[in-house]
Amino acid sequence: MYRTFLLFVLLLTIIADVAEAQTKLETQDKAHGEIRGIVGIAGFPDDGGSPHNTTGGSILVRISSRLLIGAEVLYMFGHGQDRDLAFVPVLRLEIGRFRRVQPYLIGGVGLLRHRQQTITGSYSNNRATISVGIGTRIGLGGNLFISPELRGGWEPLLQSSIGIGYRF
């Protein structure tokens, strides 16, 4: 009887230690936010299919266990003197987790500043931009990660990018 009791206490202690370690791991895994640099390619419907190279950055802050909110700034340059600067507040929803891989849905609505040098002079305007898409954050070790994304929307119509970032 005494051995059964000791075995039971030992088993409960091991289960409690494993549960506590799992809770600590989950708590440590949820960073407060992230910052990343972005490179990619974007396509606009009114540019005759000419792709724009994209570079920029974003910062996101966690507001719940699966939801992050933040801002993204992108500089896009197309053929000739075609330039675009976008500021887009974004919302990201994490959908599941597989070890170091975190798939997510992302979307945002913002402002796009278009500027183009033509034969007759400089032309510029402001337009709304909207996009939704999917991505995956892949842990590289420590707090570093890469994150490929594919988005669709309006201004640009399609956008493919990869980011490298740091979770804090």
C-alpha atoms as a PDB file:
ATOM      1  CA  MET A   1       0.000   0.000   0.000  1.00  0.00           C
ATOM      2  CA  TYR A   2       2.816   2.375   0.939  1.00  0.00           C
ATOM      3  CA  ARG A   3       4.592   1.741  -2.413  1.00  0.00           C
ATOM      4  CA  THR A   4       1.395   2.374  -4.349  1.00  0.00           C
ATOM      5  CA  PHE A   5       0.955   5.670  -2.537  1.00  0.00           C
ATOM      6  CA  LEU A   6       4.571   6.709  -3.276  1.00  0.00           C
ATOM      7  CA  LEU A   7       4.184   5.710  -6.919  1.00  0.00           C
ATOM      8  CA  PHE A   8       0.968   7.738  -7.137  1.00  0.00           C
ATOM      9  CA  VAL A   9       2.656  10.826  -5.584  1.00  0.00           C
ATOM     10  CA  LEU A  10       5.648  10.438  -7.916  1.00  0.00           C
ATOM     11  CA  LEU A  11       3.354  10.159 -10.943  1.00  0.00           C
ATOM     12  CA  LEU A  12       1.398  13.278  -9.907  1.00  0.00           C
ATOM     13  CA  THR A  13       4.660  15.186  -9.400  1.00  0.00           C
ATOM     14  CA  ILE A  14       5.900  14.243 -12.869  1.00  0.00           C
ATOM     15  CA  ILE A  15       2.566  15.201 -14.480  1.00  0.00           C
ATOM     16  CA  ALA A  16       2.563  18.557 -12.631  1.00  0.00           C
ATOM     17  CA  ASP A  17       6.165  19.276 -13.729  1.00  0.00           C
ATOM     18  CA  VAL A  18       5.362  18.447 -17.363  1.00  0.00           C
ATOM     19  CA  ALA A  19       2.232  20.628 -17.272  1.00  0.00           C
ATOM     20  CA  GLU A  20       4.173  23.528 -15.729  1.00  0.00           C
ATOM     21  CA  ALA A  21       6.960  23.186 -18.319  1.00  0.00           C
ATOM     22  CA  GLN A  22       4.372  23.156 -21.127  1.00  0.00           C
ATOM     23  CA  THR A  23       2.702  26.302 -19.737  1.00  0.00           C
ATOM     24  CA  LYS A  24       6.071  28.079 -19.493  1.00  0.00           C
ATOM     25  CA  LEU A  25       6.930  27.007 -23.052  1.00  0.00           C
ATOM     26  CA  GLU A  26       3.616  28.326 -24.402  1.00  0.00           C
ATOM     27  CA  THR A  27       4.024  31.597 -22.484  1.00  0.00           C
ATOM     28  CA  GLN A  28       7.606  32.080 -23.688  1.00  0.00           C
ATOM     29  CA  ASP A  29       6.613  31.189 -27.253  1.00  0.00           C
ATOM     30  CA  LYS A  30       4.118  34.050 -27.500  1.00  0.00           C
ATOM     31  CA  ALA A  31       6.266  37.088 -28.217  1.00  0.00           C
ATOM     32  CA  HIS A  32       4.793  40.535 -27.652  1.00  0.00           C
ATOM     33  CA  GLY A  33       5.422  41.572 -31.240  1.00  0.00           C
ATOM     34  CA  GLU A  34       7.724  41.487 -34.215  1.00  0.00           C
ATOM     35  CA  ILE A  35       9.589  43.700 -36.629  1.00  0.00           C
ATOM     36  CA  ARG A  36      10.584  42.626 -40.142  1.00  0.00           C
ATOM     37  CA  GLY A  37      12.109  43.727 -43.403  1.00  0.00           C
ATOM     38  CA  ILE A  38      10.274  42.813 -46.616  1.00  0.00           C
ATOM     39  CA  VAL A  39      11.285  42.255 -50.261  1.00  0.00           C
ATOM     40  CA  GLY A  40       9.046  41.039 -53.046  1.00  0.00           C
ATOM     41  CA  ILE A  41       7.184  41.721 -56.247  1.00  0.00           C
ATOM     42  CA  ALA A  42       3.795  43.345 -56.893  1.00  0.00           C
ATOM     43  CA  GLY A  43       1.516  43.663 -59.909  1.00  0.00           C
ATOM     44  CA  PHE A  44      -0.846  46.538 -60.695  1.00  0.00           C
ATOM     45  CA  PRO A  45      -3.824  46.118 -63.070  1.00  0.00           C
ATOM     46  CA  ASP A  46      -3.284  49.499 -64.763  1.00  0.00           C
ATOM     47  CA  ASP A  47       0.405  48.953 -65.575  1.00  0.00           C
ATOM     48  CA  GLY A  48       0.064  46.506 -68.430  1.00  0.00           C
ATOM     49  CA  GLY A  49       1.423  43.615 -66.406  1.00  0.00           C
ATOM     50  CA  SER A  50       4.742  45.290 -65.601  1.00  0.00           C
ATOM     51  CA  PRO A  51       5.826  44.047 -62.155  1.00  0.00           C
ATOM     52  CA  HIS A  52       7.042  46.355 -59.410  1.00  0.00           C
ATOM     53  CA  ASN A  53       9.903  45.421 -57.089  1.00  0.00           C
ATOM     54  CA  THR A  54       8.911  45.878 -53.469  1.00  0.00           C
ATOM     55  CA  THR A  55      10.903  46.678 -50.353  1.00  0.00           C
ATOM     56  CA  GLY A  56       9.784  47.826 -46.936  1.00  0.00           C
ATOM     57  CA  GLY A  57       9.152  46.878 -43.369  1.00  0.00           C
ATOM     58  CA  SER A  58       6.506  46.248 -40.754  1.00  0.00           C
ATOM     59  CA  ILE A  59       5.984  46.194 -37.029  1.00  0.00           C
ATOM     60  CA  LEU A  60       3.256  44.160 -35.345  1.00  0.00           C
ATOM     61  CA  VAL A  61       2.123  44.011 -31.714  1.00  0.00           C
ATOM     62  CA  ARG A  62       0.213  41.118 -30.171  1.00  0.00           C
ATOM     63  CA  ILE A  63      -3.235  42.078 -28.832  1.00  0.00           C
ATOM     64  CA  SER A  64      -4.433  38.538 -28.047  1.00  0.00           C
ATOM     65  CA  SER A  65      -3.102  34.985 -28.181  1.00  0.00           C
ATOM     66  CA  ARG A  66      -3.711  34.731 -31.970  1.00  0.00           C
ATOM     67  CA  LEU A  67      -4.211  38.328 -33.139  1.00  0.00           C
ATOM     68  CA  LEU A  68      -1.584  40.951 -34.009  1.00  0.00           C
ATOM     69  CA  ILE A  69      -2.070  44.514 -35.210  1.00  0.00           C
ATOM     70  CA  GLY A  70       0.468  46.852 -36.736  1.00  0.00           C
ATOM     71  CA  ALA A  71       1.631  48.854 -39.725  1.00  0.00           C
ATOM     72  CA  GLU A  72       3.496  48.159 -42.922  1.00  0.00           C
ATOM     73  CA  VAL A  73       5.386  50.610 -45.123  1.00  0.00           C
ATOM     74  CA  LEU A  74       6.235  49.511 -48.674  1.00  0.00           C
ATOM     75  CA  TYR A  75       8.216  51.234 -51.419  1.00  0.00           C
ATOM     76  CA  MET A  76       7.434  49.847 -54.884  1.00  0.00           C
ATOM     77  CA  PHE A  77       9.329  50.749 -58.038  1.00  0.00           C
ATOM     78  CA  GLY A  78       8.238  49.769 -61.527  1.00  0.00           C
ATOM     79  CA  HIS A  79       9.460  50.481 -65.036  1.00  0.00           C
ATOM     80  CA  GLY A  80      10.944  53.912 -65.776  1.00  0.00           C
ATOM     81  CA  GLN A  81      10.138  56.426 -63.074  1.00  0.00           C
ATOM     82  CA  ASP A  82       7.033  54.664 -61.735  1.00  0.00           C
ATOM     83  CA  ARG A  83       7.181  54.786 -57.902  1.00  0.00           C
ATOM     84  CA  ASP A  84       4.662  53.924 -55.201  1.00  0.00           C
ATOM     85  CA  LEU A  85       4.783  54.356 -51.437  1.00  0.00           C
ATOM     86  CA  ALA A  86       2.189  52.548 -49.325  1.00  0.00           C
ATOM     87  CA  PHE A  87       1.281  52.865 -45.663  1.00  0.00           C
ATOM     88  CA  VAL A  88      -1.009  50.031 -44.604  1.00  0.00           C
ATOM     89  CA  PRO A  89      -2.336  49.283 -41.099  1.00  0.00           C
ATOM     90  CA  VAL A  90      -2.585  45.473 -40.955  1.00  0.00           C
ATOM     91  CA  LEU A  91      -4.332  42.825 -38.887  1.00  0.00           C
ATOM     92  CA  ARG A  92      -2.932  39.283 -38.673  1.00  0.00           C
ATOM     93  CA  LEU A  93      -4.691  36.157 -37.395  1.00  0.00           C
ATOM     94  CA  GLU A  94      -2.517  33.139 -36.539  1.00  0.00           C
ATOM     95  CA  ILE A  95      -4.215  29.875 -37.545  1.00  0.00           C
ATOM     96  CA  GLY A  96      -2.638  26.855 -35.887  1.00  0.00           C
ATOM     97  CA  ARG A  97       0.952  26.006 -35.087  1.00  0.00           C
ATOM     98  CA  PHE A  98       3.320  23.272 -36.174  1.00  0.00           C
ATOM     99  CA  ARG A  99       6.563  23.405 -34.174  1.00  0.00           C
ATOM    100  CA  ARG A 100       8.528  26.306 -35.746  1.00  0.00           C
ATOM    101  CA  VAL A 101       5.942  27.003 -38.477  1.00  0.00           C
ATOM    102  CA  GLN A 102       3.095  29.477 -37.843  1.00  0.00           C
ATOM    103  CA  PRO A 103       0.554  29.916 -40.687  1.00  0.00           C
ATOM    104  CA  TYR A 104      -1.549  33.085 -40.660  1.00  0.00           C
ATOM    105  CA  LEU A 105      -4.120  35.206 -42.470  1.00  0.00           C
ATOM    106  CA  ILE A 106      -3.248  38.869 -43.025  1.00  0.00           C
ATOM    107  CA  GLY A 107      -5.136  41.864 -44.338  1.00  0.00           C
ATOM    108  CA  GLY A 108      -5.028  45.612 -44.381  1.00  0.00           C
ATOM    109  CA  VAL A 109      -6.455  48.829 -45.775  1.00  0.00           C
ATOM    110  CA  GLY A 110      -4.253  51.856 -46.301  1.00  0.00           C
ATOM    111  CA  LEU A 111      -2.991  54.667 -48.503  1.00  0.00           C
ATOM    112  CA  LEU A 112      -0.871  54.381 -51.645  1.00  0.00           C
ATOM    113  CA  ARG A 113       1.019  57.421 -52.964  1.00  0.00           C
ATOM    114  CA  HIS A 114       1.721  56.999 -56.708  1.00  0.00           C
ATOM    115  CA  ARG A 115       4.302  59.132 -58.523  1.00  0.00           C
ATOM    116  CA  GLN A 116       5.452  58.850 -62.105  1.00  0.00           C
ATOM    117  CA  GLN A 117       7.681  60.955 -64.320  1.00  0.00           C
ATOM    118  CA  THR A 118       6.276  61.263 -67.856  1.00  0.00           C
ATOM    119  CA  ILE A 119       7.281  63.192 -70.977  1.00  0.00           C
ATOM    120  CA  THR A 120       4.957  66.038 -70.010  1.00  0.00           C
ATOM    121  CA  GLY A 121       6.147  66.222 -66.392  1.00  0.00           C
ATOM    122  CA  SER A 122       5.583  64.621 -63.037  1.00  0.00           C
ATOM    123  CA  TYR A 123       2.267  63.004 -62.190  1.00  0.00           C
ATOM    124  CA  SER A 124       1.178  61.911 -58.700  1.00  0.00           C
ATOM    125  CA  ASN A 125      -1.955  60.879 -56.843  1.00  0.00           C
ATOM    126  CA  ASN A 126      -3.176  59.167 -53.686  1.00  0.00           C
ATOM    127  CA  ARG A 127      -5.358  56.063 -53.706  1.00  0.00           C
ATOM    128  CA  ALA A 128      -6.730  53.515 -51.316  1.00  0.00           C
ATOM    129  CA  THR A 129      -5.050  50.129 -51.117  1.00  0.00           C
ATOM    130  CA  ILE A 130      -6.562  46.943 -49.747  1.00  0.00           C
ATOM    131  CA  SER A 131      -5.143  43.433 -49.550  1.00  0.00           C
ATOM    132  CA  VAL A 132      -5.797  40.080 -47.913  1.00  0.00           C
ATOM    133  CA  GLY A 133      -3.693  36.973 -48.024  1.00  0.00           C
ATOM    134  CA  ILE A 134      -1.904  34.098 -46.387  1.00  0.00           C
ATOM    135  CA  GLY A 135       1.573  33.691 -44.994  1.00  0.00           C
ATOM    136  CA  THR A 136       3.758  31.514 -42.843  1.00  0.00           C
ATOM    137  CA  ARG A 137       6.246  32.515 -40.184  1.00  0.00           C
ATOM    138  CA  ILE A 138       9.097  29.994 -40.036  1.00  0.00           C
ATOM    139  CA  GLY A 139      11.375  30.112 -37.000  1.00  0.00           C
ATOM    140  CA  LEU A 140      15.097  30.104 -37.738  1.00  0.00           C
ATOM    141  CA  GLY A 141      16.235  29.776 -34.140  1.00  0.00           C
ATOM    142  CA  GLY A 142      16.048  32.141 -31.225  1.00  0.00           C
ATOM    143  CA  ASN A 143      13.771  35.026 -32.147  1.00  0.00           C
ATOM    144  CA  LEU A 144      14.680  35.191 -35.858  1.00  0.00           C
ATOM    145  CA  PHE A 145      12.240  34.103 -38.567  1.00  0.00           C
ATOM    146  CA  ILE A 146      11.405  34.276 -42.272  1.00  0.00           C
ATOM    147  CA  SER A 147       7.865  34.815 -43.528  1.00  0.00           C
ATOM    148  CA  PRO A 148       6.745  34.209 -47.121  1.00  0.00           C
ATOM    149  CA  GLU A 149       3.380  35.797 -48.033  1.00  0.00           C
ATOM    150  CA  LEU A 150       0.963  35.884 -50.947  1.00  0.00           C
ATOM    151  CA  ARG A 151      -1.734  38.568 -51.082  1.00  0.00           C
ATOM    152  CA  GLY A 152      -4.465  39.698 -53.418  1.00  0.00           C
ATOM    153  CA  GLY A 153      -6.395  42.941 -53.454  1.00  0.00           C
ATOM    154  CA  TRP A 154      -6.506  46.303 -55.149  1.00  0.00           C
ATOM    155  CA  GLU A 155      -3.469  48.515 -55.717  1.00  0.00           C
ATOM    156  CA  PRO A 156      -1.568  46.200 -55.995  1.00  0.00           C
ATOM    157  CA  LEU A 157      -3.648  43.393 -57.462  1.00  0.00           C
ATOM    158  CA  LEU A 158      -1.176  40.647 -56.510  1.00  0.00           C
ATOM    159  CA  GLN A 159       1.759  40.759 -54.146  1.00  0.00           C
ATOM    160  CA  SER A 160       4.307  38.093 -53.302  1.00  0.00           C
ATOM    161  CA  SER A 161       6.924  38.776 -50.652  1.00  0.00           C
ATOM    162  CA  ILE A 162       9.319  37.301 -48.161  1.00  0.00           C
ATOM    163  CA  GLY A 163      10.312  38.929 -44.915  1.00  0.00           C
ATOM    164  CA  ILE A 164      13.037  38.380 -42.378  1.00  0.00           C
ATOM    165  CA  GLY A 165      12.309  39.480 -38.881  1.00  0.00           C
ATOM    166  CA  TYR A 166      12.826  39.465 -35.159  1.00  0.00           C
ATOM    167  CA  ARG A 167      10.235  38.611 -32.487  1.00  0.00           C
ATOM    168  CA  PHE A 168      10.303  40.641 -29.264  1.00  0.00           C
END
